[in-house]
Amino acid sequence: MKRVNIADLKNNLSRHLAHVRMGGDLVVLDRMTPVARIVPFDRAAPVRATKSGGADAYWTEERMAELEQRGVITRPDSAGVATWLKTARPVKLPKGTPSAVELLLQARRESGR
């Protein structure tokens, strides 16, 4: 299994996809941490057809019902959500408080990654 960092993958995408077409696997690394695996497409495997593609296809009603039954999630009732939306007010932060983006950048600098 071949390992490739994101920058190399972006710069040499055609070469890496040729490797996958010939049956090889790629592990994509982000700062030496594996984040994805690219494998050859299996034409024999069935492809699930969904009304909407992407992440929405993952959160089907059946999946939500299964997660609720297992106790992983609790779905809100519509009246409770409507009441909360009418009464909830944004939090006012004191002047000089760093933004979420500034805190994220600071955390990244401190992590050493």
C-alpha atoms as a PDB file:
ATOM      1  CA  MET A   1       0.000   0.000   0.000  1.00  0.00           C
ATOM      2  CA  LYS A   2       1.475   3.297  -1.125  1.00  0.00           C
ATOM      3  CA  ARG A   3       1.451   6.299   1.245  1.00  0.00           C
ATOM      4  CA  VAL A   4       1.235   9.841  -0.121  1.00  0.00           C
ATOM      5  CA  ASN A   5       0.854  13.228   1.549  1.00  0.00           C
ATOM      6  CA  ILE A   6      -1.848  15.652   0.438  1.00  0.00           C
ATOM      7  CA  ALA A   7       0.496  18.082  -1.336  1.00  0.00           C
ATOM      8  CA  ASP A   8       2.083  15.282  -3.375  1.00  0.00           C
ATOM      9  CA  LEU A   9      -1.355  13.885  -4.213  1.00  0.00           C
ATOM     10  CA  LYS A  10      -2.530  17.288  -5.456  1.00  0.00           C
ATOM     11  CA  ASN A  11       0.627  17.892  -7.479  1.00  0.00           C
ATOM     12  CA  ASN A  12       0.739  14.417  -9.048  1.00  0.00           C
ATOM     13  CA  LEU A  13      -2.902  13.340  -9.096  1.00  0.00           C
ATOM     14  CA  SER A  14      -2.791  11.727 -12.545  1.00  0.00           C
ATOM     15  CA  ARG A  15       0.244   9.620 -11.665  1.00  0.00           C
ATOM     16  CA  HIS A  16      -1.334   8.453  -8.386  1.00  0.00           C
ATOM     17  CA  LEU A  17      -4.660   7.650 -10.070  1.00  0.00           C
ATOM     18  CA  ALA A  18      -2.780   5.589 -12.667  1.00  0.00           C
ATOM     19  CA  HIS A  19      -1.316   3.593  -9.755  1.00  0.00           C
ATOM     20  CA  VAL A  20      -4.861   2.991  -8.430  1.00  0.00           C
ATOM     21  CA  ARG A  21      -6.155   2.038 -11.902  1.00  0.00           C
ATOM     22  CA  MET A  22      -3.494  -0.677 -12.036  1.00  0.00           C
ATOM     23  CA  GLY A  23      -4.868  -2.158  -8.807  1.00  0.00           C
ATOM     24  CA  GLY A  24      -2.814  -0.327  -6.191  1.00  0.00           C
ATOM     25  CA  ASP A  25      -4.056   1.315  -3.010  1.00  0.00           C
ATOM     26  CA  LEU A  26      -3.152   4.785  -1.732  1.00  0.00           C
ATOM     27  CA  VAL A  27      -3.193   5.980   1.860  1.00  0.00           C
ATOM     28  CA  VAL A  28      -3.511   9.765   1.994  1.00  0.00           C
ATOM     29  CA  LEU A  29      -1.622  11.413   4.845  1.00  0.00           C
ATOM     30  CA  ASP A  30      -2.224  14.784   6.488  1.00  0.00           C
ATOM     31  CA  ARG A  31       0.912  15.653   8.459  1.00  0.00           C
ATOM     32  CA  MET A  32       1.842  11.970   8.683  1.00  0.00           C
ATOM     33  CA  THR A  33      -1.666  11.027   9.928  1.00  0.00           C
ATOM     34  CA  PRO A  34      -3.708   8.744   7.649  1.00  0.00           C
ATOM     35  CA  VAL A  35      -6.962  10.468   6.640  1.00  0.00           C
ATOM     36  CA  ALA A  36      -8.195   8.536   3.599  1.00  0.00           C
ATOM     37  CA  ARG A  37      -7.636   5.476   1.477  1.00  0.00           C
ATOM     38  CA  ILE A  38      -8.075   5.430  -2.290  1.00  0.00           C
ATOM     39  CA  VAL A  39      -8.784   2.002  -3.722  1.00  0.00           C
ATOM     40  CA  PRO A  40      -9.691   0.786  -7.220  1.00  0.00           C
ATOM     41  CA  PHE A  41     -13.389   1.050  -8.079  1.00  0.00           C
ATOM     42  CA  ASP A  42     -15.159  -2.318  -7.979  1.00  0.00           C
ATOM     43  CA  ARG A  43     -17.609  -2.356 -10.893  1.00  0.00           C
ATOM     44  CA  ALA A  44     -19.139  -5.618  -9.673  1.00  0.00           C
ATOM     45  CA  ALA A  45     -20.208  -4.082  -6.348  1.00  0.00           C
ATOM     46  CA  PRO A  46     -23.759  -2.745  -6.327  1.00  0.00           C
ATOM     47  CA  VAL A  47     -24.092   1.030  -6.154  1.00  0.00           C
ATOM     48  CA  ARG A  48     -26.914   2.280  -3.948  1.00  0.00           C
ATOM     49  CA  ALA A  49     -29.164   4.724  -5.717  1.00  0.00           C
ATOM     50  CA  THR A  50     -30.443   7.564  -3.552  1.00  0.00           C
ATOM     51  CA  LYS A  51     -32.668  10.529  -4.203  1.00  0.00           C
ATOM     52  CA  SER A  52     -30.030  12.914  -2.931  1.00  0.00           C
ATOM     53  CA  GLY A  53     -26.346  12.151  -3.034  1.00  0.00           C
ATOM     54  CA  GLY A  54     -23.612  13.044  -0.603  1.00  0.00           C
ATOM     55  CA  ALA A  55     -24.013  13.362   3.152  1.00  0.00           C
ATOM     56  CA  ASP A  56     -27.821  13.585   2.919  1.00  0.00           C
ATOM     57  CA  ALA A  57     -27.946  10.025   1.615  1.00  0.00           C
ATOM     58  CA  TYR A  58     -26.346   8.862   4.880  1.00  0.00           C
ATOM     59  CA  TRP A  59     -28.999  10.387   7.148  1.00  0.00           C
ATOM     60  CA  THR A  60     -32.009   8.464   5.902  1.00  0.00           C
ATOM     61  CA  GLU A  61     -35.182   8.110   7.942  1.00  0.00           C
ATOM     62  CA  GLU A  62     -34.350   4.428   8.519  1.00  0.00           C
ATOM     63  CA  ARG A  63     -30.911   5.283   9.896  1.00  0.00           C
ATOM     64  CA  MET A  64     -32.307   8.009  12.143  1.00  0.00           C
ATOM     65  CA  ALA A  65     -34.969   5.601  13.480  1.00  0.00           C
ATOM     66  CA  GLU A  66     -32.319   2.947  14.168  1.00  0.00           C
ATOM     67  CA  LEU A  67     -30.091   5.428  16.036  1.00  0.00           C
ATOM     68  CA  GLU A  68     -33.070   6.662  18.053  1.00  0.00           C
ATOM     69  CA  GLN A  69     -34.089   3.107  18.932  1.00  0.00           C
ATOM     70  CA  ARG A  70     -30.540   2.310  20.108  1.00  0.00           C
ATOM     71  CA  GLY A  71     -30.558   5.446  22.273  1.00  0.00           C
ATOM     72  CA  VAL A  72     -27.738   7.141  20.382  1.00  0.00           C
ATOM     73  CA  ILE A  73     -29.871  10.177  19.490  1.00  0.00           C
ATOM     74  CA  THR A  74     -33.070  11.780  20.685  1.00  0.00           C
ATOM     75  CA  ARG A  75     -35.040  13.705  18.115  1.00  0.00           C
ATOM     76  CA  PRO A  76     -36.510  17.008  19.239  1.00  0.00           C
ATOM     77  CA  ASP A  77     -40.210  17.703  19.106  1.00  0.00           C
ATOM     78  CA  SER A  78     -41.266  20.485  16.732  1.00  0.00           C
ATOM     79  CA  ALA A  79     -43.004  22.561  19.408  1.00  0.00           C
ATOM     80  CA  GLY A  80     -39.929  22.525  21.632  1.00  0.00           C
ATOM     81  CA  VAL A  81     -37.670  23.633  18.795  1.00  0.00           C
ATOM     82  CA  ALA A  82     -40.053  26.430  17.792  1.00  0.00           C
ATOM     83  CA  THR A  83     -40.218  27.684  21.395  1.00  0.00           C
ATOM     84  CA  TRP A  84     -36.451  27.584  21.750  1.00  0.00           C
ATOM     85  CA  LEU A  85     -35.932  29.490  18.500  1.00  0.00           C
ATOM     86  CA  LYS A  86     -38.307  32.237  19.664  1.00  0.00           C
ATOM     87  CA  THR A  87     -36.722  32.643  23.105  1.00  0.00           C
ATOM     88  CA  ALA A  88     -33.032  31.920  22.530  1.00  0.00           C
ATOM     89  CA  ARG A  89     -30.797  34.944  22.154  1.00  0.00           C
ATOM     90  CA  PRO A  90     -27.208  35.009  20.873  1.00  0.00           C
ATOM     91  CA  VAL A  91     -24.535  35.083  23.557  1.00  0.00           C
ATOM     92  CA  LYS A  92     -22.835  38.444  23.959  1.00  0.00           C
ATOM     93  CA  LEU A  93     -19.096  38.013  24.482  1.00  0.00           C
ATOM     94  CA  PRO A  94     -17.025  40.621  26.312  1.00  0.00           C
ATOM     95  CA  LYS A  95     -14.974  43.009  24.197  1.00  0.00           C
ATOM     96  CA  GLY A  96     -11.567  41.620  23.321  1.00  0.00           C
ATOM     97  CA  THR A  97     -12.723  37.992  23.386  1.00  0.00           C
ATOM     98  CA  PRO A  98     -10.998  36.118  20.520  1.00  0.00           C
ATOM     99  CA  SER A  99     -13.165  34.751  17.717  1.00  0.00           C
ATOM    100  CA  ALA A 100     -13.613  31.043  17.111  1.00  0.00           C
ATOM    101  CA  VAL A 101     -11.236  31.269  14.142  1.00  0.00           C
ATOM    102  CA  GLU A 102      -8.562  32.973  16.260  1.00  0.00           C
ATOM    103  CA  LEU A 103      -8.918  30.277  18.946  1.00  0.00           C
ATOM    104  CA  LEU A 104      -8.649  27.535  16.329  1.00  0.00           C
ATOM    105  CA  LEU A 105      -5.488  29.046  14.827  1.00  0.00           C
ATOM    106  CA  GLN A 106      -3.998  29.438  18.307  1.00  0.00           C
ATOM    107  CA  ALA A 107      -4.762  25.804  19.132  1.00  0.00           C
ATOM    108  CA  ARG A 108      -3.125  24.664  15.899  1.00  0.00           C
ATOM    109  CA  ARG A 109       0.004  26.685  16.648  1.00  0.00           C
ATOM    110  CA  GLU A 110       0.210  25.225  20.150  1.00  0.00           C
ATOM    111  CA  SER A 111      -0.368  21.614  19.043  1.00  0.00           C
ATOM    112  CA  GLY A 112       2.927  21.430  17.156  1.00  0.00           C
ATOM    113  CA  ARG A 113       1.371  19.461  14.294  1.00  0.00           C
END
